[in-house]
């Protein structure tokens, strides 16, 4: 289980806040909320032809329908800060995953952490 929040640095607390926000957005299956947590590159990867953020939101709502509810329900079990601006978030989904616990990468953009890979 991830260490208690009070033992973390400010940057780690912000990382945890945004990682949890992303998982909540996935669980809600709300494309606009999901896209809020993505880097510009991840938004383009999700909806390469979209010229506006609404294209990302529509695609995210479609792609994460039902799956988002499942993935978003798993707890964060570890945070691995790789550099001041890069981190890996590990979610505890080993019981349903054929590869053990899964993870996603996040990058710091200003005071926010955004998801790099979907």
Protein backbone atom coordinates (compact mmCIF):
# COMPACT_ATOMS: atom_id res chain seq x y z
CA UNK A 1 0.00 0.00 0.00
CA UNK A 2 1.19 3.53 -0.72
CA UNK A 3 2.66 5.29 2.34
CA UNK A 4 0.50 7.72 4.27
CA UNK A 5 0.10 11.08 2.53
CA UNK A 6 1.60 13.12 5.41
CA UNK A 7 5.01 11.43 4.97
CA UNK A 8 5.30 12.65 1.37
CA UNK A 9 6.86 15.76 -0.11
CA UNK A 10 4.63 18.46 -1.57
CA UNK A 11 5.42 17.25 -5.09
CA UNK A 12 4.49 13.67 -4.16
CA UNK A 13 1.23 14.83 -2.56
CA UNK A 14 0.39 16.72 -5.76
CA UNK A 15 1.27 13.62 -7.79
CA UNK A 16 -0.97 11.45 -5.62
CA UNK A 17 -3.80 14.03 -5.84
CA UNK A 18 -3.67 14.10 -9.63
CA UNK A 19 -3.24 10.31 -10.01
CA UNK A 20 -6.31 9.79 -7.81
CA UNK A 21 -8.16 12.43 -9.80
CA UNK A 22 -7.37 10.59 -13.03
CA UNK A 23 -8.63 7.30 -11.59
CA UNK A 24 -11.82 9.04 -10.38
CA UNK A 25 -12.27 10.50 -13.87
CA UNK A 26 -11.85 7.03 -15.40
CA UNK A 27 -14.37 5.60 -12.94
CA UNK A 28 -16.86 8.35 -13.87
CA UNK A 29 -16.36 7.59 -17.59
CA UNK A 30 -16.59 11.34 -18.20
CA UNK A 31 -14.41 12.08 -21.23
CA UNK A 32 -13.97 15.75 -20.39
CA UNK A 33 -12.69 14.90 -16.91
CA UNK A 34 -10.41 12.16 -18.29
CA UNK A 35 -8.88 14.51 -20.87
CA UNK A 36 -8.22 17.12 -18.16
CA UNK A 37 -5.62 14.72 -16.69
CA UNK A 38 -3.85 13.95 -20.00
CA UNK A 39 -0.76 15.62 -21.44
CA UNK A 40 -1.29 17.29 -24.83
CA UNK A 41 0.57 14.36 -26.41
CA UNK A 42 -1.72 11.80 -24.77
CA UNK A 43 -4.80 13.75 -25.89
CA UNK A 44 -3.49 13.73 -29.47
CA UNK A 45 -2.73 10.00 -29.19
CA UNK A 46 -6.29 9.37 -28.03
CA UNK A 47 -7.92 11.52 -30.71
CA UNK A 48 -5.34 12.31 -33.41
CA UNK A 49 -7.80 13.91 -35.80
CA UNK A 50 -9.52 16.08 -33.18
CA UNK A 51 -8.93 19.80 -33.56
CA UNK A 52 -10.59 20.68 -30.24
CA UNK A 53 -10.65 19.28 -26.73
CA UNK A 54 -14.22 18.10 -27.36
CA UNK A 55 -12.78 15.48 -29.75
CA UNK A 56 -10.64 14.09 -26.94
CA UNK A 57 -13.61 14.07 -24.56
CA UNK A 58 -15.88 12.23 -27.01
CA UNK A 59 -13.20 9.65 -27.78
CA UNK A 60 -12.32 9.14 -24.09
CA UNK A 61 -16.00 8.68 -23.18
CA UNK A 62 -16.28 6.06 -25.91
CA UNK A 63 -12.97 4.26 -25.30
CA UNK A 64 -13.29 4.11 -21.53
CA UNK A 65 -16.99 3.17 -21.42
CA UNK A 66 -17.29 0.31 -18.89
CA UNK A 67 -13.50 -0.25 -18.82
CA UNK A 68 -12.99 3.06 -16.99
CA UNK A 69 -15.29 1.96 -14.19
CA UNK A 70 -13.18 -1.16 -13.67
CA UNK A 71 -9.70 0.38 -13.99
CA UNK A 72 -10.61 3.47 -12.00
CA UNK A 73 -11.74 1.37 -9.04
CA UNK A 74 -8.30 -0.06 -8.27
CA UNK A 75 -6.13 1.51 -5.56
CA UNK A 76 -2.79 3.15 -6.08
CA UNK A 77 -0.26 0.82 -4.49
CA UNK A 78 2.97 2.66 -5.31
CA UNK A 79 4.37 5.91 -6.63
CA UNK A 80 7.80 5.82 -8.22
CA UNK A 81 9.22 9.31 -8.71
CA UNK A 82 11.76 8.94 -11.52
CA UNK A 83 12.80 12.60 -11.68
CA UNK A 84 11.37 15.93 -10.47
CA UNK A 85 9.05 15.92 -13.50
CA UNK A 86 8.42 12.21 -14.19
CA UNK A 87 6.73 9.50 -12.16
CA UNK A 88 5.18 6.06 -12.46
CA UNK A 89 1.90 5.28 -10.71
CA UNK A 90 1.24 1.60 -9.94
CA UNK A 91 -2.33 0.41 -9.49
CA UNK A 92 -3.20 -2.79 -7.66
CA UNK A 93 -5.03 -4.72 -10.35
CA UNK A 94 -2.94 -7.91 -10.29
CA UNK A 95 -5.99 -10.06 -9.54
CA UNK A 96 -7.47 -9.35 -12.98
CA UNK A 97 -4.34 -8.52 -14.98
CA UNK A 98 -2.28 -11.17 -16.72
CA UNK A 99 0.84 -9.04 -16.21
CA UNK A 100 0.56 -8.22 -12.50
CA UNK A 101 -0.04 -4.71 -11.23
CA UNK A 102 -0.33 -2.21 -14.06
CA UNK A 103 1.03 1.32 -14.17
CA UNK A 104 0.85 4.61 -15.99
CA UNK A 105 3.39 7.37 -16.42
CA UNK A 106 2.81 10.97 -15.36
CA UNK A 107 4.70 14.16 -16.16
CA UNK A 108 4.68 17.37 -14.18
CA UNK A 109 3.38 20.36 -16.12
CA UNK A 110 3.50 23.41 -13.87
CA UNK A 111 1.83 22.46 -10.58
CA UNK A 112 -0.15 19.61 -12.13
CA UNK A 113 0.77 16.05 -12.97
CA UNK A 114 -0.64 14.76 -16.26
CA UNK A 115 -0.92 11.22 -17.64
CA UNK A 116 1.58 10.53 -20.41
CA UNK A 117 0.45 7.10 -21.61
CA UNK A 118 -3.02 5.61 -21.79
